[in-house]
C-alpha atoms as a PDB file:
ATOM      1  CA  UNK A   1     103.833 121.484  92.836  1.00  0.00           C
ATOM      2  CA  UNK A   2     104.668 121.172  89.148  1.00  0.00           C
ATOM      3  CA  UNK A   3     106.979 118.393  88.013  1.00  0.00           C
ATOM      4  CA  UNK A   4     108.148 120.419  85.045  1.00  0.00           C
ATOM      5  CA  UNK A   5     109.503 123.175  87.282  1.00  0.00           C
ATOM      6  CA  UNK A   6     111.638 120.864  89.415  1.00  0.00           C
ATOM      7  CA  UNK A   7     115.349 120.944  88.741  1.00  0.00           C
ATOM      8  CA  UNK A   8     116.535 117.553  89.929  1.00  0.00           C
ATOM      9  CA  UNK A   9     117.662 114.248  88.451  1.00  0.00           C
ATOM     10  CA  UNK A  10     115.403 112.171  90.704  1.00  0.00           C
ATOM     11  CA  UNK A  11     111.741 112.361  91.617  1.00  0.00           C
ATOM     12  CA  UNK A  12     109.492 110.573  94.087  1.00  0.00           C
ATOM     13  CA  UNK A  13     105.812 110.725  93.175  1.00  0.00           C
ATOM     14  CA  UNK A  14     103.715 109.607  96.157  1.00  0.00           C
ATOM     15  CA  UNK A  15      99.993 109.285  95.474  1.00  0.00           C
ATOM     16  CA  UNK A  16      97.211 108.444  97.889  1.00  0.00           C
ATOM     17  CA  UNK A  17      93.437 108.335  97.568  1.00  0.00           C
ATOM     18  CA  UNK A  18      91.322 107.966 100.711  1.00  0.00           C
ATOM     19  CA  UNK A  19      87.954 107.790  98.962  1.00  0.00           C
ATOM     20  CA  UNK A  20      86.974 111.097 100.559  1.00  0.00           C
ATOM     21  CA  UNK A  21      84.361 111.787  97.861  1.00  0.00           C
ATOM     22  CA  UNK A  22      82.525 108.464  98.141  1.00  0.00           C
ATOM     23  CA  UNK A  23      79.208 108.836  99.925  1.00  0.00           C
ATOM     24  CA  UNK A  24      78.567 105.110 100.282  1.00  0.00           C
ATOM     25  CA  UNK A  25      81.760 104.277 102.197  1.00  0.00           C
ATOM     26  CA  UNK A  26      83.865 106.034 104.847  1.00  0.00           C
ATOM     27  CA  UNK A  27      87.283 107.452 103.864  1.00  0.00           C
ATOM     28  CA  UNK A  28      90.258 105.132 104.280  1.00  0.00           C
ATOM     29  CA  UNK A  29      93.615 106.059 105.794  1.00  0.00           C
ATOM     30  CA  UNK A  30      95.686 105.613 102.625  1.00  0.00           C
ATOM     31  CA  UNK A  31      97.372 108.971 103.144  1.00  0.00           C
ATOM     32  CA  UNK A  32      99.151 107.729 106.260  1.00  0.00           C
ATOM     33  CA  UNK A  33     101.244 105.260 104.277  1.00  0.00           C
ATOM     34  CA  UNK A  34     102.158 108.039 101.877  1.00  0.00           C
ATOM     35  CA  UNK A  35     103.555 109.949 104.861  1.00  0.00           C
ATOM     36  CA  UNK A  36     105.507 106.821 105.847  1.00  0.00           C
ATOM     37  CA  UNK A  37     107.129 106.506 102.434  1.00  0.00           C
ATOM     38  CA  UNK A  38     108.034 110.180 102.460  1.00  0.00           C
ATOM     39  CA  UNK A  39     109.592 109.854 105.904  1.00  0.00           C
ATOM     40  CA  UNK A  40     111.670 106.881 104.771  1.00  0.00           C
ATOM     41  CA  UNK A  41     112.928 108.589 101.614  1.00  0.00           C
ATOM     42  CA  UNK A  42     113.882 111.651 103.640  1.00  0.00           C
ATOM     43  CA  UNK A  43     115.854 109.493 106.063  1.00  0.00           C
ATOM     44  CA  UNK A  44     119.502 108.572 105.535  1.00  0.00           C
ATOM     45  CA  UNK A  45     118.702 104.934 104.753  1.00  0.00           C
ATOM     46  CA  UNK A  46     116.140 106.059 102.224  1.00  0.00           C
ATOM     47  CA  UNK A  47     118.680 108.099 100.282  1.00  0.00           C
ATOM     48  CA  UNK A  48     118.362 111.497 101.996  1.00  0.00           C
ATOM     49  CA  UNK A  49     115.910 112.863  99.439  1.00  0.00           C
ATOM     50  CA  UNK A  50     115.336 116.602  99.527  1.00  0.00           C
ATOM     51  CA  UNK A  51     111.901 118.111 100.009  1.00  0.00           C
ATOM     52  CA  UNK A  52     111.802 119.529  96.466  1.00  0.00           C
ATOM     53  CA  UNK A  53     112.439 116.062  95.002  1.00  0.00           C
ATOM     54  CA  UNK A  54     109.268 114.583  96.511  1.00  0.00           C
ATOM     55  CA  UNK A  55     105.802 115.240  95.100  1.00  0.00           C
ATOM     56  CA  UNK A  56     102.802 114.216  97.201  1.00  0.00           C
ATOM     57  CA  UNK A  57      99.480 114.154  95.384  1.00  0.00           C
ATOM     58  CA  UNK A  58      96.591 113.186  97.613  1.00  0.00           C
ATOM     59  CA  UNK A  59      92.810 113.296  97.320  1.00  0.00           C
ATOM     60  CA  UNK A  60      91.721 116.630  95.849  1.00  0.00           C
ATOM     61  CA  UNK A  61      95.158 117.255  94.336  1.00  0.00           C
ATOM     62  CA  UNK A  62      95.157 113.944  92.502  1.00  0.00           C
ATOM     63  CA  UNK A  63      93.410 115.519  89.541  1.00  0.00           C
ATOM     64  CA  UNK A  64      96.866 116.830  88.648  1.00  0.00           C
ATOM     65  CA  UNK A  65      98.326 113.352  88.251  1.00  0.00           C
ATOM     66  CA  UNK A  66      97.744 112.806  84.547  1.00  0.00           C
ATOM     67  CA  UNK A  67      98.921 116.292  83.595  1.00  0.00           C
ATOM     68  CA  UNK A  68     102.032 115.962  85.728  1.00  0.00           C
ATOM     69  CA  UNK A  69     102.901 112.582  84.231  1.00  0.00           C
ATOM     70  CA  UNK A  70     102.734 114.006  80.730  1.00  0.00           C
ATOM     71  CA  UNK A  71     104.818 117.067  81.624  1.00  0.00           C
ATOM     72  CA  UNK A  72     107.537 114.925  83.150  1.00  0.00           C
ATOM     73  CA  UNK A  73     108.075 112.585  80.191  1.00  0.00           C
ATOM     74  CA  UNK A  74     111.501 110.923  80.620  1.00  0.00           C
ATOM     75  CA  UNK A  75     112.714 114.050  82.405  1.00  0.00           C
ATOM     76  CA  UNK A  76     114.322 112.180  85.294  1.00  0.00           C
ATOM     77  CA  UNK A  77     117.250 109.812  85.673  1.00  0.00           C
ATOM     78  CA  UNK A  78     115.349 107.930  88.387  1.00  0.00           C
ATOM     79  CA  UNK A  79     111.741 107.850  89.594  1.00  0.00           C
ATOM     80  CA  UNK A  80     110.276 106.295  92.748  1.00  0.00           C
ATOM     81  CA  UNK A  81     106.489 106.056  92.456  1.00  0.00           C
ATOM     82  CA  UNK A  82     104.002 104.880  95.078  1.00  0.00           C
ATOM     83  CA  UNK A  83     100.237 104.536  94.952  1.00  0.00           C
ATOM     84  CA  UNK A  84      98.140 103.702  98.016  1.00  0.00           C
ATOM     85  CA  UNK A  85      94.364 103.592  97.848  1.00  0.00           C
ATOM     86  CA  UNK A  86      91.525 102.110  95.821  1.00  0.00           C
ATOM     87  CA  UNK A  87      92.507 100.103  92.768  1.00  0.00           C
ATOM     88  CA  UNK A  88      92.133  96.904  90.781  1.00  0.00           C
ATOM     89  CA  UNK A  89      93.434  94.987  87.775  1.00  0.00           C
ATOM     90  CA  UNK A  90      91.951  95.839  84.404  1.00  0.00           C
ATOM     91  CA  UNK A  91      91.685  92.630  82.375  1.00  0.00           C
ATOM     92  CA  UNK A  92      90.989  94.468  79.116  1.00  0.00           C
ATOM     93  CA  UNK A  93      94.125  96.621  79.329  1.00  0.00           C
ATOM     94  CA  UNK A  94      96.065  93.892  81.172  1.00  0.00           C
ATOM     95  CA  UNK A  95      97.493  96.263  83.751  1.00  0.00           C
ATOM     96  CA  UNK A  96      96.688  97.711  87.163  1.00  0.00           C
ATOM     97  CA  UNK A  97      94.572 100.826  87.432  1.00  0.00           C
ATOM     98  CA  UNK A  98      94.194 103.199  90.352  1.00  0.00           C
ATOM     99  CA  UNK A  99      91.552 105.678  91.297  1.00  0.00           C
ATOM    100  CA  UNK A 100      91.989 109.402  91.921  1.00  0.00           C
ATOM    101  CA  UNK A 101      88.299 110.068  92.609  1.00  0.00           C
ATOM    102  CA  UNK A 102      84.920 108.322  92.418  1.00  0.00           C
ATOM    103  CA  UNK A 103      84.650 108.716  88.638  1.00  0.00           C
ATOM    104  CA  UNK A 104      85.867 105.636  86.806  1.00  0.00           C
ATOM    105  CA  UNK A 105      86.719 107.614  83.677  1.00  0.00           C
ATOM    106  CA  UNK A 106      89.370 109.504  85.644  1.00  0.00           C
ATOM    107  CA  UNK A 107      91.247 106.364  86.701  1.00  0.00           C
ATOM    108  CA  UNK A 108      94.985 106.265  85.995  1.00  0.00           C
ATOM    109  CA  UNK A 109      96.578 103.171  84.482  1.00  0.00           C
ATOM    110  CA  UNK A 110      99.917 101.661  85.348  1.00  0.00           C
ATOM    111  CA  UNK A 111     101.107 102.262  81.796  1.00  0.00           C
ATOM    112  CA  UNK A 112     100.648 106.014  82.335  1.00  0.00           C
ATOM    113  CA  UNK A 113     103.487 106.202  84.865  1.00  0.00           C
ATOM    114  CA  UNK A 114     106.120 104.823  82.489  1.00  0.00           C
ATOM    115  CA  UNK A 115     106.594 108.299  81.034  1.00  0.00           C
ATOM    116  CA  UNK A 116     108.533 109.682  83.999  1.00  0.00           C
ATOM    117  CA  UNK A 117     111.820 107.808  83.723  1.00  0.00           C
ATOM    118  CA  UNK A 118     113.573 104.854  82.125  1.00  0.00           C
ATOM    119  CA  UNK A 119     114.723 103.808  85.597  1.00  0.00           C
ATOM    120  CA  UNK A 120     111.621 103.457  87.684  1.00  0.00           C
ATOM    121  CA  UNK A 121     110.307 101.778  90.837  1.00  0.00           C
ATOM    122  CA  UNK A 122     106.536 101.453  91.156  1.00  0.00           C
ATOM    123  CA  UNK A 123     104.952 100.329  94.437  1.00  0.00           C
ATOM    124  CA  UNK A 124     101.243  99.577  94.170  1.00  0.00           C
ATOM    125  CA  UNK A 125      99.622  99.009  97.570  1.00  0.00           C
ATOM    126  CA  UNK A 126      96.079  98.330  96.494  1.00  0.00           C
ATOM    127  CA  UNK A 127      93.826  95.450  95.528  1.00  0.00           C
ATOM    128  CA  UNK A 128      94.403  93.462  92.359  1.00  0.00           C
ATOM    129  CA  UNK A 129      90.901  92.102  91.984  1.00  0.00           C
ATOM    130  CA  UNK A 130      89.246  92.260  88.596  1.00  0.00           C
ATOM    131  CA  UNK A 131      87.918  95.713  87.827  1.00  0.00           C
ATOM    132  CA  UNK A 132      84.626  96.651  89.466  1.00  0.00           C
ATOM    133  CA  UNK A 133      83.131 100.095  90.195  1.00  0.00           C
ATOM    134  CA  UNK A 134      83.977  99.707  93.907  1.00  0.00           C
ATOM    135  CA  UNK A 135      87.343  98.609  95.309  1.00  0.00           C
ATOM    136  CA  UNK A 136      88.372  97.080  98.615  1.00  0.00           C
ATOM    137  CA  UNK A 137      88.919  99.247 101.670  1.00  0.00           C
ATOM    138  CA  UNK A 138      92.516  99.711 102.790  1.00  0.00           C
ATOM    139  CA  UNK A 139      93.755 101.244 106.021  1.00  0.00           C
ATOM    140  CA  UNK A 140      97.212 102.669 106.583  1.00  0.00           C
ATOM    141  CA  UNK A 141      99.316 104.035 109.422  1.00  0.00           C
ATOM    142  CA  UNK A 142     101.980 106.674 109.834  1.00  0.00           C
ATOM    143  CA  UNK A 143     105.512 105.813 110.902  1.00  0.00           C
ATOM    144  CA  UNK A 144     108.049 108.301 112.193  1.00  0.00           C
ATOM    145  CA  UNK A 145     111.628 107.849 111.032  1.00  0.00           C
ATOM    146  CA  UNK A 146     114.570 109.736 112.496  1.00  0.00           C
ATOM    147  CA  UNK A 147     117.211 111.140 110.170  1.00  0.00           C
ATOM    148  CA  UNK A 148     120.646 112.566 110.757  1.00  0.00           C
ATOM    149  CA  UNK A 149     120.771 116.314 110.289  1.00  0.00           C
ATOM    150  CA  UNK A 150     124.544 116.308 109.649  1.00  0.00           C
ATOM    151  CA  UNK A 151     124.729 118.111 106.257  1.00  0.00           C
ATOM    152  CA  UNK A 152     128.072 116.508 105.402  1.00  0.00           C
ATOM    153  CA  UNK A 153     126.848 112.988 106.032  1.00  0.00           C
ATOM    154  CA  UNK A 154     123.640 113.560 104.111  1.00  0.00           C
ATOM    155  CA  UNK A 155     125.607 114.948 101.156  1.00  0.00           C
ATOM    156  CA  UNK A 156     127.761 111.816 101.138  1.00  0.00           C
ATOM    157  CA  UNK A 157     124.684 109.588 101.284  1.00  0.00           C
ATOM    158  CA  UNK A 158     123.016 111.472  98.440  1.00  0.00           C
ATOM    159  CA  UNK A 159     126.138 111.064  96.299  1.00  0.00           C
ATOM    160  CA  UNK A 160     126.334 107.329  97.001  1.00  0.00           C
ATOM    161  CA  UNK A 161     122.621 106.891  96.367  1.00  0.00           C
ATOM    162  CA  UNK A 162     122.906 108.747  93.052  1.00  0.00           C
ATOM    163  CA  UNK A 163     125.970 106.710  92.104  1.00  0.00           C
ATOM    164  CA  UNK A 164     123.929 103.561  92.747  1.00  0.00           C
ATOM    165  CA  UNK A 165     120.959 104.388  90.525  1.00  0.00           C
ATOM    166  CA  UNK A 166     123.154 106.041  87.873  1.00  0.00           C
ATOM    167  CA  UNK A 167     125.196 102.851  87.518  1.00  0.00           C
ATOM    168  CA  UNK A 168     122.045 100.748  86.977  1.00  0.00           C
ATOM    169  CA  UNK A 169     120.814  99.895  83.507  1.00  0.00           C
ATOM    170  CA  UNK A 170     117.357 101.011  82.404  1.00  0.00           C
ATOM    171  CA  UNK A 171     114.677  99.078  84.286  1.00  0.00           C
ATOM    172  CA  UNK A 172     111.044  99.175  85.326  1.00  0.00           C
ATOM    173  CA  UNK A 173     110.476  97.465  88.677  1.00  0.00           C
ATOM    174  CA  UNK A 174     106.786  97.105  89.628  1.00  0.00           C
ATOM    175  CA  UNK A 175     105.769  95.671  93.005  1.00  0.00           C
ATOM    176  CA  UNK A 176     102.196  94.821  93.937  1.00  0.00           C
ATOM    177  CA  UNK A 177     100.652  94.268  97.362  1.00  0.00           C
ATOM    178  CA  UNK A 178      98.683  91.283  96.042  1.00  0.00           C
ATOM    179  CA  UNK A 179      98.478  88.947  93.085  1.00  0.00           C
ATOM    180  CA  UNK A 180      95.865  89.341  90.361  1.00  0.00           C
ATOM    181  CA  UNK A 181      92.488  88.316  91.738  1.00  0.00           C
ATOM    182  CA  UNK A 182      93.408  89.063  95.360  1.00  0.00           C
ATOM    183  CA  UNK A 183      92.616  91.893  97.749  1.00  0.00           C
ATOM    184  CA  UNK A 184      95.121  93.890  99.807  1.00  0.00           C
ATOM    185  CA  UNK A 185      94.471  93.843 103.549  1.00  0.00           C
ATOM    186  CA  UNK A 186      95.242  95.739 106.747  1.00  0.00           C
ATOM    187  CA  UNK A 187      97.145  94.463 109.736  1.00  0.00           C
ATOM    188  CA  UNK A 188      94.909  93.319 112.584  1.00  0.00           C
ATOM    189  CA  UNK A 189      96.674  95.629 115.041  1.00  0.00           C
ATOM    190  CA  UNK A 190      95.724  98.729 113.084  1.00  0.00           C
ATOM    191  CA  UNK A 191      99.316  99.439 112.063  1.00  0.00           C
ATOM    192  CA  UNK A 192      98.478  99.901 108.402  1.00  0.00           C
ATOM    193  CA  UNK A 193      98.449  98.005 105.128  1.00  0.00           C
ATOM    194  CA  UNK A 194     100.154  94.626 105.389  1.00  0.00           C
ATOM    195  CA  UNK A 195     102.448  95.108 102.409  1.00  0.00           C
ATOM    196  CA  UNK A 196     103.588  98.701 102.894  1.00  0.00           C
ATOM    197  CA  UNK A 197     104.129  98.104 106.603  1.00  0.00           C
ATOM    198  CA  UNK A 198     106.316  95.060 105.948  1.00  0.00           C
ATOM    199  CA  UNK A 199     108.257  96.593 103.067  1.00  0.00           C
ATOM    200  CA  UNK A 200     109.068  99.736 105.043  1.00  0.00           C
ATOM    201  CA  UNK A 201     109.942  97.577 108.028  1.00  0.00           C
ATOM    202  CA  UNK A 202     112.523  95.675 105.962  1.00  0.00           C
ATOM    203  CA  UNK A 203     113.976  98.850 104.486  1.00  0.00           C
ATOM    204  CA  UNK A 204     114.087 100.709 107.768  1.00  0.00           C
ATOM    205  CA  UNK A 205     115.712  97.919 109.804  1.00  0.00           C
ATOM    206  CA  UNK A 206     118.273  96.571 107.346  1.00  0.00           C
ATOM    207  CA  UNK A 207     121.850  96.622 108.644  1.00  0.00           C
ATOM    208  CA  UNK A 208     123.390  96.696 105.177  1.00  0.00           C
ATOM    209  CA  UNK A 209     122.512  98.257 101.870  1.00  0.00           C
ATOM    210  CA  UNK A 210     119.753  96.394 100.051  1.00  0.00           C
ATOM    211  CA  UNK A 211     118.242  96.800  96.607  1.00  0.00           C
ATOM    212  CA  UNK A 212     114.492  97.231  96.238  1.00  0.00           C
ATOM    213  CA  UNK A 213     114.006  93.737  94.752  1.00  0.00           C
ATOM    214  CA  UNK A 214     115.580  91.977  97.730  1.00  0.00           C
ATOM    215  CA  UNK A 215     113.584  94.197 100.096  1.00  0.00           C
ATOM    216  CA  UNK A 216     110.361  93.242  98.322  1.00  0.00           C
ATOM    217  CA  UNK A 217     111.274  89.550  98.420  1.00  0.00           C
ATOM    218  CA  UNK A 218     112.012  89.690 102.159  1.00  0.00           C
ATOM    219  CA  UNK A 219     108.789  91.573 102.832  1.00  0.00           C
ATOM    220  CA  UNK A 220     106.827  88.978 100.845  1.00  0.00           C
ATOM    221  CA  UNK A 221     108.444  86.123 102.762  1.00  0.00           C
ATOM    222  CA  UNK A 222     107.696  87.813 106.082  1.00  0.00           C
ATOM    223  CA  UNK A 223     104.050  88.310 105.121  1.00  0.00           C
ATOM    224  CA  UNK A 224     103.567  84.678 104.112  1.00  0.00           C
ATOM    225  CA  UNK A 225     105.365  83.431 107.234  1.00  0.00           C
ATOM    226  CA  UNK A 226     103.236  85.619 109.497  1.00  0.00           C
ATOM    227  CA  UNK A 227      99.954  84.630 107.885  1.00  0.00           C
ATOM    228  CA  UNK A 228     100.860  80.940 108.068  1.00  0.00           C
ATOM    229  CA  UNK A 229     102.008  81.206 111.694  1.00  0.00           C
ATOM    230  CA  UNK A 230      98.758  82.919 112.669  1.00  0.00           C
ATOM    231  CA  UNK A 231      96.699  80.345 110.753  1.00  0.00           C
ATOM    232  CA  UNK A 232      95.171  83.259 108.889  1.00  0.00           C
ATOM    233  CA  UNK A 233      92.616  82.701 106.149  1.00  0.00           C
ATOM    234  CA  UNK A 234      93.661  85.981 104.514  1.00  0.00           C
ATOM    235  CA  UNK A 235      94.887  85.375 101.001  1.00  0.00           C
ATOM    236  CA  UNK A 236      97.444  88.025 100.126  1.00  0.00           C
ATOM    237  CA  UNK A 237     100.580  87.213  98.211  1.00  0.00           C
ATOM    238  CA  UNK A 238     102.655  90.186  97.066  1.00  0.00           C
ATOM    239  CA  UNK A 239     103.856  89.916  93.489  1.00  0.00           C
ATOM    240  CA  UNK A 240     106.161  91.610  91.024  1.00  0.00           C
ATOM    241  CA  UNK A 241     107.090  91.673  87.366  1.00  0.00           C
ATOM    242  CA  UNK A 242     110.866  91.942  87.465  1.00  0.00           C
ATOM    243  CA  UNK A 243     112.964  91.690  84.262  1.00  0.00           C
ATOM    244  CA  UNK A 244     115.280  88.696  84.309  1.00  0.00           C
ATOM    245  CA  UNK A 245     118.139  90.340  82.414  1.00  0.00           C
ATOM    246  CA  UNK A 246     118.979  92.921  85.097  1.00  0.00           C
ATOM    247  CA  UNK A 247     122.429  92.598  86.693  1.00  0.00           C
ATOM    248  CA  UNK A 248     122.061  95.437  89.214  1.00  0.00           C
ATOM    249  CA  UNK A 249     118.760  96.584  90.670  1.00  0.00           C
ATOM    250  CA  UNK A 250     117.757 100.063  91.796  1.00  0.00           C
ATOM    251  CA  UNK A 251     118.295 101.046  95.441  1.00  0.00           C
ATOM    252  CA  UNK A 252     116.008 100.131  98.314  1.00  0.00           C
ATOM    253  CA  UNK A 253     117.946 101.257 101.377  1.00  0.00           C
ATOM    254  CA  UNK A 254     121.524 102.470 101.717  1.00  0.00           C
ATOM    255  CA  UNK A 255     123.658 101.928 104.825  1.00  0.00           C
ATOM    256  CA  UNK A 256     126.992 103.722 105.283  1.00  0.00           C
END
């Protein structure tokens, strides 16, 4: 699917790399979380996104990422971007980088995604360890979310969701599954990556509209509380780099 051909004011770019082409390690289930994010966005709480507004680039198709990012330069009023898979923090470029195949020279950098929109959410569910040729293994799970099929209700939700992000000032909101120097881990019960699972859980179960910053903060608190309660030795502290001069943040979940 070509970004340039899409006629819409919003775009969700969901990217997942399972490591399918790595011979020295088994593929990971990163693509399952990508399905979960798509299901949430398609739901009423997620903003009732249409199919043609969501671009999923996974594994073999990820070679299109860089070309698509360039074609879509500031084309959209709002962009929701997710990456799940192998990644790290590049100390030389001082930003996160994520892999689209086993070749390091093909890696995509966080700064590359800024071209899509001046109002942008970036969710990075991957490790933030210092760059090495091999990243940590992540496992993910698929969630099924029900959505109302009432066309009238979905139209109303889409209008309210658009009104929300249109009324926001320009902002780049990056959220990371772990702090620099840390790995990103799976849940012990096999229900997926700790961060994506908890963030989607907050968004899915909220009883009132919540912006993406508050959702991230709640997810982070829940993760730390759970790890402490379980006396876990896992060190994973979600982080962000949120501008301090923002008066209204982009949408997380909408409840009507």
